[in-house]
Amino acid sequence: VTICHSRTPDLPSVTRQADILIAAIGKPKFFTADMIK
């Protein structure tokens, strides 16, 4: 498990490693297709 937050550098590079991505930050449509493996 990797926990990402507002201080995580280069967030897309981390999210693209995820087999399972769980989004819970409260920002509408923040995660776009290019951030998903």
All heavy atoms as atom14 arrays in JSON, in Angstrom:
{
  "sequence": "VTICHSRTPDLPSVTRQADILIAAIGKPKFFTADMIK",
  "atom14_mask": [
    [1, 1, 1, 1, 1, 1, 1, 0, 0, 0, 0, 0, 0, 0],
    [1, 1, 1, 1, 1, 1, 1, 0, 0, 0, 0, 0, 0, 0],
    [1, 1, 1, 1, 1, 1, 1, 1, 0, 0, 0, 0, 0, 0],
    [1, 1, 1, 1, 1, 1, 0, 0, 0, 0, 0, 0, 0, 0],
    [1, 1, 1, 1, 1, 1, 1, 1, 1, 1, 0, 0, 0, 0],
    [1, 1, 1, 1, 1, 1, 0, 0, 0, 0, 0, 0, 0, 0],
    [1, 1, 1, 1, 1, 1, 1, 1, 1, 1, 1, 0, 0, 0],
    [1, 1, 1, 1, 1, 1, 1, 0, 0, 0, 0, 0, 0, 0],
    [1, 1, 1, 1, 1, 1, 1, 0, 0, 0, 0, 0, 0, 0],
    [1, 1, 1, 1, 1, 1, 1, 1, 0, 0, 0, 0, 0, 0],
    [1, 1, 1, 1, 1, 1, 1, 1, 0, 0, 0, 0, 0, 0],
    [1, 1, 1, 1, 1, 1, 1, 0, 0, 0, 0, 0, 0, 0],
    [1, 1, 1, 1, 1, 1, 0, 0, 0, 0, 0, 0, 0, 0],
    [1, 1, 1, 1, 1, 1, 1, 0, 0, 0, 0, 0, 0, 0],
    [1, 1, 1, 1, 1, 1, 1, 0, 0, 0, 0, 0, 0, 0],
    [1, 1, 1, 1, 1, 1, 1, 1, 1, 1, 1, 0, 0, 0],
    [1, 1, 1, 1, 1, 1, 1, 1, 1, 0, 0, 0, 0, 0],
    [1, 1, 1, 1, 1, 0, 0, 0, 0, 0, 0, 0, 0, 0],
    [1, 1, 1, 1, 1, 1, 1, 1, 0, 0, 0, 0, 0, 0],
    [1, 1, 1, 1, 1, 1, 1, 1, 0, 0, 0, 0, 0, 0],
    [1, 1, 1, 1, 1, 1, 1, 1, 0, 0, 0, 0, 0, 0],
    [1, 1, 1, 1, 1, 1, 1, 1, 0, 0, 0, 0, 0, 0],
    [1, 1, 1, 1, 1, 0, 0, 0, 0, 0, 0, 0, 0, 0],
    [1, 1, 1, 1, 1, 0, 0, 0, 0, 0, 0, 0, 0, 0],
    [1, 1, 1, 1, 1, 1, 1, 1, 0, 0, 0, 0, 0, 0],
    [1, 1, 1, 1, 0, 0, 0, 0, 0, 0, 0, 0, 0, 0],
    [1, 1, 1, 1, 1, 1, 1, 1, 1, 0, 0, 0, 0, 0],
    [1, 1, 1, 1, 1, 1, 1, 0, 0, 0, 0, 0, 0, 0],
    [1, 1, 1, 1, 1, 1, 1, 1, 1, 0, 0, 0, 0, 0],
    [1, 1, 1, 1, 1, 1, 1, 1, 1, 1, 1, 0, 0, 0],
    [1, 1, 1, 1, 1, 1, 1, 1, 1, 1, 1, 0, 0, 0],
    [1, 1, 1, 1, 1, 1, 1, 0, 0, 0, 0, 0, 0, 0],
    [1, 1, 1, 1, 1, 0, 0, 0, 0, 0, 0, 0, 0, 0],
    [1, 1, 1, 1, 1, 1, 1, 1, 0, 0, 0, 0, 0, 0],
    [1, 1, 1, 1, 1, 1, 1, 1, 0, 0, 0, 0, 0, 0],
    [1, 1, 1, 1, 1, 1, 1, 1, 0, 0, 0, 0, 0, 0],
    [1, 1, 1, 1, 1, 1, 1, 1, 1, 0, 0, 0, 0, 0]
  ],
  "atom14_positions": [
    [[0.82, -1.21, 0.0], [0.0, 0.0, 0.0], [0.86, 1.26, 0.0], [1.8, 1.39, 0.78], [-0.94, 0.03, 1.22], [-1.83, 1.26, 1.18], [-1.79, -1.24, 1.28], [0.0, 0.0, 0.0], [0.0, 0.0, 0.0], [0.0, 0.0, 0.0], [0.0, 0.0, 0.0], [0.0, 0.0, 0.0], [0.0, 0.0, 0.0], [0.0, 0.0, 0.0]],
    [[0.53, 2.19, -0.88], [1.13, 3.51, -0.9], [0.04, 4.54, -0.63], [-1.01, 4.5, -1.27], [1.79, 3.81, -2.27], [2.8, 2.85, -2.54], [2.38, 5.21, -2.29], [0.0, 0.0, 0.0], [0.0, 0.0, 0.0], [0.0, 0.0, 0.0], [0.0, 0.0, 0.0], [0.0, 0.0, 0.0], [0.0, 0.0, 0.0], [0.0, 0.0, 0.0]],
    [[0.28, 5.41, 0.34], [-0.66, 6.51, 0.61], [-0.1, 7.79, 0.01], [1.03, 8.18, 0.31], [-0.88, 6.7, 2.13], [-1.46, 5.43, 2.76], [-1.81, 7.88, 2.39], [-1.69, 5.55, 4.26], [0.0, 0.0, 0.0], [0.0, 0.0, 0.0], [0.0, 0.0, 0.0], [0.0, 0.0, 0.0], [0.0, 0.0, 0.0], [0.0, 0.0, 0.0]],
    [[-0.89, 8.42, -0.83], [-0.49, 9.7, -1.43], [-1.34, 10.83, -0.84], [-2.47, 10.6, -0.39], [-0.69, 9.66, -2.95], [0.39, 8.51, -3.8], [0.0, 0.0, 0.0], [0.0, 0.0, 0.0], [0.0, 0.0, 0.0], [0.0, 0.0, 0.0], [0.0, 0.0, 0.0], [0.0, 0.0, 0.0], [0.0, 0.0, 0.0], [0.0, 0.0, 0.0]],
    [[-0.79, 12.04, -0.87], [-1.49, 13.19, -0.3], [-0.98, 14.46, -0.98], [-0.26, 14.38, -2.0], [-1.29, 13.24, 1.22], [0.13, 13.02, 1.65], [1.1, 13.99, 1.55], [0.74, 11.93, 2.16], [2.24, 13.53, 1.99], [2.06, 12.26, 2.37], [0.0, 0.0, 0.0], [0.0, 0.0, 0.0], [0.0, 0.0, 0.0], [0.0, 0.0, 0.0]],
    [[-1.35, 15.61, -0.42], [-1.05, 16.89, -1.08], [0.44, 17.18, -1.2], [0.86, 17.99, -2.03], [-1.73, 18.03, -0.31], [-1.27, 18.08, 1.04], [0.0, 0.0, 0.0], [0.0, 0.0, 0.0], [0.0, 0.0, 0.0], [0.0, 0.0, 0.0], [0.0, 0.0, 0.0], [0.0, 0.0, 0.0], [0.0, 0.0, 0.0], [0.0, 0.0, 0.0]],
    [[1.27, 16.51, -0.4], [2.72, 16.75, -0.46], [3.45, 15.67, -1.27], [4.69, 15.66, -1.28], [3.29, 16.79, 0.95], [2.76, 17.95, 1.81], [3.19, 19.29, 1.27], [2.76, 20.39, 2.12], [3.48, 20.89, 3.12], [4.66, 20.38, 3.4], [3.02, 21.9, 3.84], [0.0, 0.0, 0.0], [0.0, 0.0, 0.0], [0.0, 0.0, 0.0]],
    [[2.73, 14.79, -1.92], [3.37, 13.74, -2.72], [3.9, 14.34, -4.02], [3.13, 14.88, -4.82], [2.38, 12.61, -3.04], [1.89, 12.04, -1.83], [3.04, 11.52, -3.87], [0.0, 0.0, 0.0], [0.0, 0.0, 0.0], [0.0, 0.0, 0.0], [0.0, 0.0, 0.0], [0.0, 0.0, 0.0], [0.0, 0.0, 0.0], [0.0, 0.0, 0.0]],
    [[5.22, 14.24, -4.27], [5.76, 14.78, -5.52], [5.45, 13.87, -6.7], [5.39, 12.65, -6.56], [7.27, 14.85, -5.24], [7.51, 13.78, -4.23], [6.28, 13.71, -3.37], [0.0, 0.0, 0.0], [0.0, 0.0, 0.0], [0.0, 0.0, 0.0], [0.0, 0.0, 0.0], [0.0, 0.0, 0.0], [0.0, 0.0, 0.0], [0.0, 0.0, 0.0]],
    [[5.23, 14.49, -7.86], [4.97, 13.76, -9.11], [3.92, 12.68, -8.9], [4.15, 11.49, -9.13], [6.26, 13.16, -9.65], [6.12, 12.71, -11.1], [5.08, 13.01, -11.72], [7.05, 12.05, -11.6], [0.0, 0.0, 0.0], [0.0, 0.0, 0.0], [0.0, 0.0, 0.0], [0.0, 0.0, 0.0], [0.0, 0.0, 0.0], [0.0, 0.0, 0.0]],
    [[2.75, 13.12, -8.46], [1.66, 12.2, -8.14], [1.3, 11.24, -9.28], [1.13, 10.04, -9.05], [0.43, 13.0, -7.71], [-0.82, 12.21, -7.32], [-0.54, 11.33, -6.12], [-1.98, 13.17, -7.03], [0.0, 0.0, 0.0], [0.0, 0.0, 0.0], [0.0, 0.0, 0.0], [0.0, 0.0, 0.0], [0.0, 0.0, 0.0], [0.0, 0.0, 0.0]],
    [[1.2, 11.7, -10.53], [0.82, 10.77, -11.61], [1.78, 9.6, -11.75], [1.35, 8.49, -12.11], [0.84, 11.66, -12.87], [0.58, 13.04, -12.35], [1.27, 13.1, -11.03], [0.0, 0.0, 0.0], [0.0, 0.0, 0.0], [0.0, 0.0, 0.0], [0.0, 0.0, 0.0], [0.0, 0.0, 0.0], [0.0, 0.0, 0.0], [0.0, 0.0, 0.0]],
    [[3.06, 9.82, -11.48], [4.01, 8.72, -11.62], [3.75, 7.63, -10.58], [4.05, 6.45, -10.81], [5.45, 9.22, -11.48], [5.75, 9.62, -10.15], [0.0, 0.0, 0.0], [0.0, 0.0, 0.0], [0.0, 0.0, 0.0], [0.0, 0.0, 0.0], [0.0, 0.0, 0.0], [0.0, 0.0, 0.0], [0.0, 0.0, 0.0], [0.0, 0.0, 0.0]],
    [[3.19, 8.02, -9.44], [2.86, 7.04, -8.4], [1.54, 6.35, -8.71], [1.43, 5.12, -8.63], [2.78, 7.72, -7.02], [2.45, 6.69, -5.93], [4.08, 8.44, -6.69], [0.0, 0.0, 0.0], [0.0, 0.0, 0.0], [0.0, 0.0, 0.0], [0.0, 0.0, 0.0], [0.0, 0.0, 0.0], [0.0, 0.0, 0.0], [0.0, 0.0, 0.0]],
    [[0.53, 7.12, -9.1], [-0.78, 6.52, -9.36], [-0.74, 5.56, -10.55], [-1.5, 4.59, -10.58], [-1.84, 7.61, -9.6], [-1.47, 8.41, -10.74], [-1.97, 8.51, -8.38], [0.0, 0.0, 0.0], [0.0, 0.0, 0.0], [0.0, 0.0, 0.0], [0.0, 0.0, 0.0], [0.0, 0.0, 0.0], [0.0, 0.0, 0.0], [0.0, 0.0, 0.0]],
    [[0.14, 5.83, -11.5], [0.22, 4.94, -12.67], [0.85, 3.58, -12.34], [0.84, 2.68, -13.17], [1.01, 5.62, -13.79], [0.18, 6.65, -14.56], [0.87, 7.04, -15.86], [2.09, 7.8, -15.62], [2.17, 9.12, -15.58], [1.07, 9.85, -15.77], [3.32, 9.74, -15.37], [0.0, 0.0, 0.0], [0.0, 0.0, 0.0], [0.0, 0.0, 0.0]],
    [[1.38, 3.44, -11.12], [1.92, 2.15, -10.69], [0.85, 1.27, -10.04], [1.1, 0.1, -9.77], [3.05, 2.36, -9.69], [4.24, 3.13, -10.21], [5.25, 3.39, -9.12], [5.52, 2.54, -8.28], [5.84, 4.58, -9.11], [0.0, 0.0, 0.0], [0.0, 0.0, 0.0], [0.0, 0.0, 0.0], [0.0, 0.0, 0.0], [0.0, 0.0, 0.0]],
    [[-0.31, 1.83, -9.79], [-1.32, 1.15, -8.98], [-2.08, 0.09, -9.78], [-2.6, 0.37, -10.86], [-2.31, 2.16, -8.42], [0.0, 0.0, 0.0], [0.0, 0.0, 0.0], [0.0, 0.0, 0.0], [0.0, 0.0, 0.0], [0.0, 0.0, 0.0], [0.0, 0.0, 0.0], [0.0, 0.0, 0.0], [0.0, 0.0, 0.0], [0.0, 0.0, 0.0]],
    [[-2.15, -1.11, -9.2], [-3.07, -2.12, -9.72], [-4.5, -1.79, -9.29], [-5.46, -2.1, -10.0], [-2.69, -3.51, -9.2], [-1.27, -3.9, -9.55], [-0.93, -3.85, -10.75], [-0.49, -4.24, -8.64], [0.0, 0.0, 0.0], [0.0, 0.0, 0.0], [0.0, 0.0, 0.0], [0.0, 0.0, 0.0], [0.0, 0.0, 0.0], [0.0, 0.0, 0.0]],
    [[-4.59, -1.2, -8.1], [-5.88, -0.75, -7.56], [-5.69, 0.67, -7.06], [-4.79, 0.94, -6.25], [-6.36, -1.67, -6.41], [-6.51, -3.11, -6.91], [-7.67, -1.16, -5.82], [-6.74, -4.13, -5.81], [0.0, 0.0, 0.0], [0.0, 0.0, 0.0], [0.0, 0.0, 0.0], [0.0, 0.0, 0.0], [0.0, 0.0, 0.0], [0.0, 0.0, 0.0]],
    [[-6.53, 1.57, -7.52], [-6.43, 2.98, -7.16], [-7.68, 3.36, -6.38], [-8.81, 3.17, -6.85], [-6.32, 3.83, -8.42], [-6.17, 5.34, -8.28], [-4.83, 5.69, -7.66], [-6.31, 6.03, -9.64], [0.0, 0.0, 0.0], [0.0, 0.0, 0.0], [0.0, 0.0, 0.0], [0.0, 0.0, 0.0], [0.0, 0.0, 0.0], [0.0, 0.0, 0.0]],
    [[-7.5, 3.9, -5.17], [-8.62, 4.31, -4.32], [-8.53, 5.81, -4.1], [-7.58, 6.29, -3.46], [-8.61, 3.55, -2.99], [-8.7, 2.04, -3.24], [-9.76, 4.01, -2.08], [-8.53, 1.18, -2.01], [0.0, 0.0, 0.0], [0.0, 0.0, 0.0], [0.0, 0.0, 0.0], [0.0, 0.0, 0.0], [0.0, 0.0, 0.0], [0.0, 0.0, 0.0]],
    [[-9.48, 6.55, -4.64], [-9.42, 8.02, -4.63], [-10.36, 8.57, -3.57], [-11.57, 8.32, -3.61], [-9.8, 8.57, -6.01], [0.0, 0.0, 0.0], [0.0, 0.0, 0.0], [0.0, 0.0, 0.0], [0.0, 0.0, 0.0], [0.0, 0.0, 0.0], [0.0, 0.0, 0.0], [0.0, 0.0, 0.0], [0.0, 0.0, 0.0], [0.0, 0.0, 0.0]],
    [[-9.8, 9.33, -2.63], [-10.61, 9.91, -1.55], [-9.99, 11.22, -1.1], [-9.49, 11.35, 0.02], [-10.72, 8.94, -0.38], [0.0, 0.0, 0.0], [0.0, 0.0, 0.0], [0.0, 0.0, 0.0], [0.0, 0.0, 0.0], [0.0, 0.0, 0.0], [0.0, 0.0, 0.0], [0.0, 0.0, 0.0], [0.0, 0.0, 0.0], [0.0, 0.0, 0.0]],
    [[-10.01, 12.23, -1.97], [-9.41, 13.52, -1.62], [-10.39, 14.69, -1.68], [-10.07, 15.78, -1.22], [-8.2, 13.84, -2.53], [-8.63, 13.97, -3.99], [-7.11, 12.81, -2.37], [-7.57, 14.59, -4.86], [0.0, 0.0, 0.0], [0.0, 0.0, 0.0], [0.0, 0.0, 0.0], [0.0, 0.0, 0.0], [0.0, 0.0, 0.0], [0.0, 0.0, 0.0]],
    [[-11.58, 14.47, -2.24], [-12.58, 15.52, -2.25], [-12.36, 16.61, -3.27], [-12.74, 17.77, -3.04], [0.0, 0.0, 0.0], [0.0, 0.0, 0.0], [0.0, 0.0, 0.0], [0.0, 0.0, 0.0], [0.0, 0.0, 0.0], [0.0, 0.0, 0.0], [0.0, 0.0, 0.0], [0.0, 0.0, 0.0], [0.0, 0.0, 0.0], [0.0, 0.0, 0.0]],
    [[-11.78, 16.26, -4.41], [-11.59, 17.22, -5.5], [-12.27, 16.67, -6.76], [-11.87, 15.63, -7.27], [-10.1, 17.47, -5.77], [-9.39, 18.17, -4.63], [-7.96, 18.52, -5.0], [-7.26, 19.27, -3.88], [-5.87, 19.64, -4.25], [0.0, 0.0, 0.0], [0.0, 0.0, 0.0], [0.0, 0.0, 0.0], [0.0, 0.0, 0.0], [0.0, 0.0, 0.0]],
    [[-13.29, 17.36, -7.26], [-14.07, 16.82, -8.37], [-13.24, 16.57, -9.63], [-12.49, 17.43, -10.07], [-15.15, 17.88, -8.62], [-14.65, 19.12, -7.96], [-13.8, 18.68, -6.83], [0.0, 0.0, 0.0], [0.0, 0.0, 0.0], [0.0, 0.0, 0.0], [0.0, 0.0, 0.0], [0.0, 0.0, 0.0], [0.0, 0.0, 0.0], [0.0, 0.0, 0.0]],
    [[-13.37, 15.34, -10.14], [-12.74, 14.92, -11.4], [-11.24, 15.2, -11.44], [-10.67, 15.48, -12.49], [-13.43, 15.59, -12.59], [-14.88, 15.18, -12.76], [-15.47, 15.73, -14.06], [-16.88, 15.25, -14.28], [-17.43, 15.71, -15.58], [0.0, 0.0, 0.0], [0.0, 0.0, 0.0], [0.0, 0.0, 0.0], [0.0, 0.0, 0.0], [0.0, 0.0, 0.0]],
    [[-10.59, 15.11, -10.28], [-9.16, 15.42, -10.19], [-8.33, 14.39, -10.94], [-7.33, 14.73, -11.59], [-8.74, 15.47, -8.72], [-7.29, 15.76, -8.5], [-6.82, 17.06, -8.47], [-6.38, 14.73, -8.33], [-5.48, 17.34, -8.27], [-5.03, 14.99, -8.12], [-4.57, 16.3, -8.1], [0.0, 0.0, 0.0], [0.0, 0.0, 0.0], [0.0, 0.0, 0.0]],
    [[-8.71, 13.13, -10.84], [-7.91, 12.06, -11.43], [-8.38, 11.78, -12.85], [-9.49, 11.35, -13.1], [-7.97, 10.8, -10.56], [-7.34, 11.03, -9.21], [-8.12, 11.31, -8.11], [-5.96, 11.03, -9.07], [-7.54, 11.56, -6.88], [-5.37, 11.29, -7.84], [-6.16, 11.55, -6.75], [0.0, 0.0, 0.0], [0.0, 0.0, 0.0], [0.0, 0.0, 0.0]],
    [[-7.47, 12.02, -13.77], [-7.77, 11.89, -15.19], [-7.23, 10.56, -15.72], [-6.48, 9.85, -15.04], [-7.15, 13.06, -15.96], [-5.75, 13.17, -15.62], [-7.84, 14.37, -15.58], [0.0, 0.0, 0.0], [0.0, 0.0, 0.0], [0.0, 0.0, 0.0], [0.0, 0.0, 0.0], [0.0, 0.0, 0.0], [0.0, 0.0, 0.0], [0.0, 0.0, 0.0]],
    [[-7.58, 10.25, -16.94], [-7.24, 8.95, -17.52], [-5.73, 8.72, -17.57], [-5.26, 7.58, -17.41], [-7.84, 8.84, -18.92], [0.0, 0.0, 0.0], [0.0, 0.0, 0.0], [0.0, 0.0, 0.0], [0.0, 0.0, 0.0], [0.0, 0.0, 0.0], [0.0, 0.0, 0.0], [0.0, 0.0, 0.0], [0.0, 0.0, 0.0], [0.0, 0.0, 0.0]],
    [[-4.96, 9.78, -17.79], [-3.51, 9.61, -17.92], [-2.82, 9.34, -16.58], [-1.62, 9.09, -16.54], [-2.87, 10.83, -18.6], [-3.07, 12.11, -17.81], [-3.97, 12.15, -16.93], [-2.33, 13.08, -18.05], [0.0, 0.0, 0.0], [0.0, 0.0, 0.0], [0.0, 0.0, 0.0], [0.0, 0.0, 0.0], [0.0, 0.0, 0.0], [0.0, 0.0, 0.0]],
    [[-3.58, 9.37, -15.48], [-3.03, 9.07, -14.17], [-3.32, 7.63, -13.74], [-2.97, 7.22, -12.63], [-3.6, 10.04, -13.12], [-3.3, 11.5, -13.39], [-4.16, 12.64, -12.24], [-3.27, 12.33, -10.72], [0.0, 0.0, 0.0], [0.0, 0.0, 0.0], [0.0, 0.0, 0.0], [0.0, 0.0, 0.0], [0.0, 0.0, 0.0], [0.0, 0.0, 0.0]],
    [[-3.95, 6.87, -14.64], [-4.4, 5.52, -14.3], [-3.67, 4.49, -15.15], [-3.56, 4.64, -16.37], [-5.92, 5.4, -14.52], [-6.67, 6.39, -13.62], [-6.4, 3.97, -14.24], [-8.13, 6.55, -13.96], [0.0, 0.0, 0.0], [0.0, 0.0, 0.0], [0.0, 0.0, 0.0], [0.0, 0.0, 0.0], [0.0, 0.0, 0.0], [0.0, 0.0, 0.0]],
    [[-3.19, 3.46, -14.51], [-2.55, 2.34, -15.21], [-3.61, 1.57, -16.0], [-4.66, 1.23, -15.46], [-1.89, 1.42, -14.18], [-1.26, 0.17, -14.72], [-0.7, -0.65, -13.55], [-0.1, -1.96, -14.0], [0.44, -2.74, -12.84], [0.0, 0.0, 0.0], [0.0, 0.0, 0.0], [0.0, 0.0, 0.0], [0.0, 0.0, 0.0], [0.0, 0.0, 0.0]]
  ]
}
